[in-house]
Amino acid sequence: MQLSDINGELIDLSLSGAAVIHRSPIRPGSPGTLIFPSYGGIYIPCQVLRSVVQVRRGDTGPEYVFRSAISFNAIPPDQEKSLHEFLQIQIDRLREKQEEAAEQSTH
C-alpha cells in the first residue's frame, strides 16, 4: 500500500479513513492518495490528519517510523458502492492478519 509516493504499512482501516506506518515524514493537512497497487490499482483521495514519530523496538534495535491518520475525501456517488465493497474486503483481511499475529504472539 502507498500513501501518495510513500510506501507504507496499513495498520487500521475503516470506511472513512486509515492509519498507516511509513518511514518518510508527511505533513499533517497534506492532500494525498491512498493507493492499493494490487487489484489493478485502487486510488482513494485523502488528507493527512496527523502524523507522529514512533519508535519500533525490534531484533536489530530501535527503528523510527511515522504513524499517520488519514481521512478519505468525498468520492463520486457512482463509485461509492464499489469502493465500500473493496474497503470492507480489505478491513476483513486486515482483521484476520491482526488476529493471526495476536495468536502467534501468545504461543
C-alpha atoms as a PDB file:
ATOM      1  CA  MET A   1       0.000   0.000   0.000  1.00  0.00           C
ATOM      2  CA  GLN A   2       1.209   3.511  -0.675  1.00  0.00           C
ATOM      3  CA  LEU A   3       0.316   6.955   0.598  1.00  0.00           C
ATOM      4  CA  SER A   4       0.989   9.100  -2.480  1.00  0.00           C
ATOM      5  CA  ASP A   5       4.631   8.256  -3.312  1.00  0.00           C
ATOM      6  CA  ILE A   6       5.485   6.853   0.155  1.00  0.00           C
ATOM      7  CA  ASN A   7       5.427   3.096   0.764  1.00  0.00           C
ATOM      8  CA  GLY A   8       3.599   2.219   3.949  1.00  0.00           C
ATOM      9  CA  GLU A   9       2.054  -0.468   6.082  1.00  0.00           C
ATOM     10  CA  LEU A  10      -1.689  -0.337   6.650  1.00  0.00           C
ATOM     11  CA  ILE A  11      -2.397  -0.871  10.364  1.00  0.00           C
ATOM     12  CA  ASP A  12      -6.047   0.195  10.612  1.00  0.00           C
ATOM     13  CA  LEU A  13      -8.809   0.807   8.107  1.00  0.00           C
ATOM     14  CA  SER A  14     -12.416   1.941   8.121  1.00  0.00           C
ATOM     15  CA  LEU A  15     -14.863   3.177   5.508  1.00  0.00           C
ATOM     16  CA  SER A  16     -13.864   6.768   6.299  1.00  0.00           C
ATOM     17  CA  GLY A  17     -10.086   6.594   6.812  1.00  0.00           C
ATOM     18  CA  ALA A  18      -6.977   4.655   7.725  1.00  0.00           C
ATOM     19  CA  ALA A  19      -3.869   4.527   9.897  1.00  0.00           C
ATOM     20  CA  VAL A  20      -0.559   3.955   8.136  1.00  0.00           C
ATOM     21  CA  ILE A  21       3.033   3.421   9.288  1.00  0.00           C
ATOM     22  CA  HIS A  22       5.781   4.679   6.965  1.00  0.00           C
ATOM     23  CA  ARG A  23       9.442   5.743   7.068  1.00  0.00           C
ATOM     24  CA  SER A  24       9.281   9.175   5.404  1.00  0.00           C
ATOM     25  CA  PRO A  25       7.695  12.230   7.026  1.00  0.00           C
ATOM     26  CA  ILE A  26       4.452  13.660   5.681  1.00  0.00           C
ATOM     27  CA  ARG A  27       2.926  16.935   6.791  1.00  0.00           C
ATOM     28  CA  PRO A  28      -0.473  16.961   8.556  1.00  0.00           C
ATOM     29  CA  GLY A  29      -3.053  18.662   6.364  1.00  0.00           C
ATOM     30  CA  SER A  30      -1.385  17.413   3.188  1.00  0.00           C
ATOM     31  CA  PRO A  31      -3.634  16.057   0.472  1.00  0.00           C
ATOM     32  CA  GLY A  32      -2.707  12.632  -0.789  1.00  0.00           C
ATOM     33  CA  THR A  33      -3.851   9.449  -2.428  1.00  0.00           C
ATOM     34  CA  LEU A  34      -4.037   6.099  -0.692  1.00  0.00           C
ATOM     35  CA  ILE A  35      -3.004   3.545  -3.297  1.00  0.00           C
ATOM     36  CA  PHE A  36      -3.666  -0.194  -3.248  1.00  0.00           C
ATOM     37  CA  PRO A  37      -1.407  -1.374  -6.110  1.00  0.00           C
ATOM     38  CA  SER A  38      -2.989  -4.806  -6.326  1.00  0.00           C
ATOM     39  CA  TYR A  39      -6.477  -5.180  -7.787  1.00  0.00           C
ATOM     40  CA  GLY A  40      -5.464  -3.129 -10.806  1.00  0.00           C
ATOM     41  CA  GLY A  41      -4.626  -0.118  -8.650  1.00  0.00           C
ATOM     42  CA  ILE A  42      -7.265   1.395  -6.378  1.00  0.00           C
ATOM     43  CA  TYR A  43      -6.717   5.115  -5.746  1.00  0.00           C
ATOM     44  CA  ILE A  44      -8.514   6.819  -2.852  1.00  0.00           C
ATOM     45  CA  PRO A  45      -8.121  10.604  -2.464  1.00  0.00           C
ATOM     46  CA  CYS A  46      -7.411  11.506   1.147  1.00  0.00           C
ATOM     47  CA  GLN A  47      -5.974  14.043   3.572  1.00  0.00           C
ATOM     48  CA  VAL A  48      -3.426  13.507   6.335  1.00  0.00           C
ATOM     49  CA  LEU A  49      -4.992  14.397   9.684  1.00  0.00           C
ATOM     50  CA  ARG A  50      -1.899  13.877  11.836  1.00  0.00           C
ATOM     51  CA  SER A  51       1.494  12.225  11.662  1.00  0.00           C
ATOM     52  CA  VAL A  52       3.683  11.390  14.660  1.00  0.00           C
ATOM     53  CA  VAL A  53       7.067   9.747  15.120  1.00  0.00           C
ATOM     54  CA  GLN A  54       7.108   6.368  16.866  1.00  0.00           C
ATOM     55  CA  VAL A  55       9.893   4.025  17.895  1.00  0.00           C
ATOM     56  CA  ARG A  56       9.560   0.369  16.957  1.00  0.00           C
ATOM     57  CA  ARG A  57      11.652  -1.986  19.004  1.00  0.00           C
ATOM     58  CA  GLY A  58      12.957  -4.931  17.008  1.00  0.00           C
ATOM     59  CA  ASP A  59      15.710  -7.530  16.946  1.00  0.00           C
ATOM     60  CA  THR A  60      18.049  -5.120  15.156  1.00  0.00           C
ATOM     61  CA  GLY A  61      17.435  -2.260  17.603  1.00  0.00           C
ATOM     62  CA  PRO A  62      15.074   0.712  17.573  1.00  0.00           C
ATOM     63  CA  GLU A  63      13.572   1.929  14.301  1.00  0.00           C
ATOM     64  CA  TYR A  64      11.997   5.358  13.918  1.00  0.00           C
ATOM     65  CA  VAL A  65       8.796   5.390  11.863  1.00  0.00           C
ATOM     66  CA  PHE A  66       5.872   7.713  11.304  1.00  0.00           C
ATOM     67  CA  ARG A  67       2.275   6.807  12.139  1.00  0.00           C
ATOM     68  CA  SER A  68      -0.243   8.823  10.174  1.00  0.00           C
ATOM     69  CA  ALA A  69      -4.016   9.076  10.430  1.00  0.00           C
ATOM     70  CA  ILE A  70      -5.750   9.857   7.175  1.00  0.00           C
ATOM     71  CA  SER A  71      -9.343  10.585   6.221  1.00  0.00           C
ATOM     72  CA  PHE A  72     -10.814   9.754   2.843  1.00  0.00           C
ATOM     73  CA  ASN A  73     -12.129  12.610   0.729  1.00  0.00           C
ATOM     74  CA  ALA A  74     -15.590  12.505  -0.823  1.00  0.00           C
ATOM     75  CA  ILE A  75     -15.822  10.321  -3.891  1.00  0.00           C
ATOM     76  CA  PRO A  76     -18.318  10.433  -6.759  1.00  0.00           C
ATOM     77  CA  PRO A  77     -21.615   8.742  -5.808  1.00  0.00           C
ATOM     78  CA  ASP A  78     -21.361   6.292  -8.723  1.00  0.00           C
ATOM     79  CA  GLN A  79     -18.075   4.922  -7.291  1.00  0.00           C
ATOM     80  CA  GLU A  80     -19.161   4.812  -3.639  1.00  0.00           C
ATOM     81  CA  LYS A  81     -20.694   1.312  -3.598  1.00  0.00           C
ATOM     82  CA  SER A  82     -17.734  -0.412  -5.292  1.00  0.00           C
ATOM     83  CA  LEU A  83     -15.233   1.462  -3.095  1.00  0.00           C
ATOM     84  CA  HIS A  84     -17.110   0.491   0.086  1.00  0.00           C
ATOM     85  CA  GLU A  85     -17.175  -3.157  -1.047  1.00  0.00           C
ATOM     86  CA  PHE A  86     -13.427  -3.049  -1.725  1.00  0.00           C
ATOM     87  CA  LEU A  87     -12.721  -1.383   1.641  1.00  0.00           C
ATOM     88  CA  GLN A  88     -14.850  -3.947   3.504  1.00  0.00           C
ATOM     89  CA  ILE A  89     -12.811  -6.775   1.945  1.00  0.00           C
ATOM     90  CA  GLN A  90      -9.584  -5.016   2.980  1.00  0.00           C
ATOM     91  CA  ILE A  91     -10.916  -4.391   6.512  1.00  0.00           C
ATOM     92  CA  ASP A  92     -11.777  -8.099   6.879  1.00  0.00           C
ATOM     93  CA  ARG A  93      -8.338  -9.166   5.605  1.00  0.00           C
ATOM     94  CA  LEU A  94      -6.572  -6.759   7.945  1.00  0.00           C
ATOM     95  CA  ARG A  95      -8.539  -8.074  10.942  1.00  0.00           C
ATOM     96  CA  GLU A  96      -7.637 -11.664  10.010  1.00  0.00           C
ATOM     97  CA  LYS A  97      -3.953 -10.718   9.814  1.00  0.00           C
ATOM     98  CA  GLN A  98      -4.136  -8.971  13.192  1.00  0.00           C
ATOM     99  CA  GLU A  99      -5.862 -11.974  14.803  1.00  0.00           C
ATOM    100  CA  GLU A 100      -3.230 -14.357  13.379  1.00  0.00           C
ATOM    101  CA  ALA A 101      -0.436 -12.132  14.694  1.00  0.00           C
ATOM    102  CA  ALA A 102      -2.076 -11.987  18.131  1.00  0.00           C
ATOM    103  CA  GLU A 103      -2.397 -15.788  18.216  1.00  0.00           C
ATOM    104  CA  GLN A 104       1.253 -16.253  17.251  1.00  0.00           C
ATOM    105  CA  SER A 105       2.438 -13.830  19.933  1.00  0.00           C
ATOM    106  CA  THR A 106       0.600 -15.825  22.634  1.00  0.00           C
ATOM    107  CA  HIS A 107       2.255 -19.135  21.676  1.00  0.00           C
END
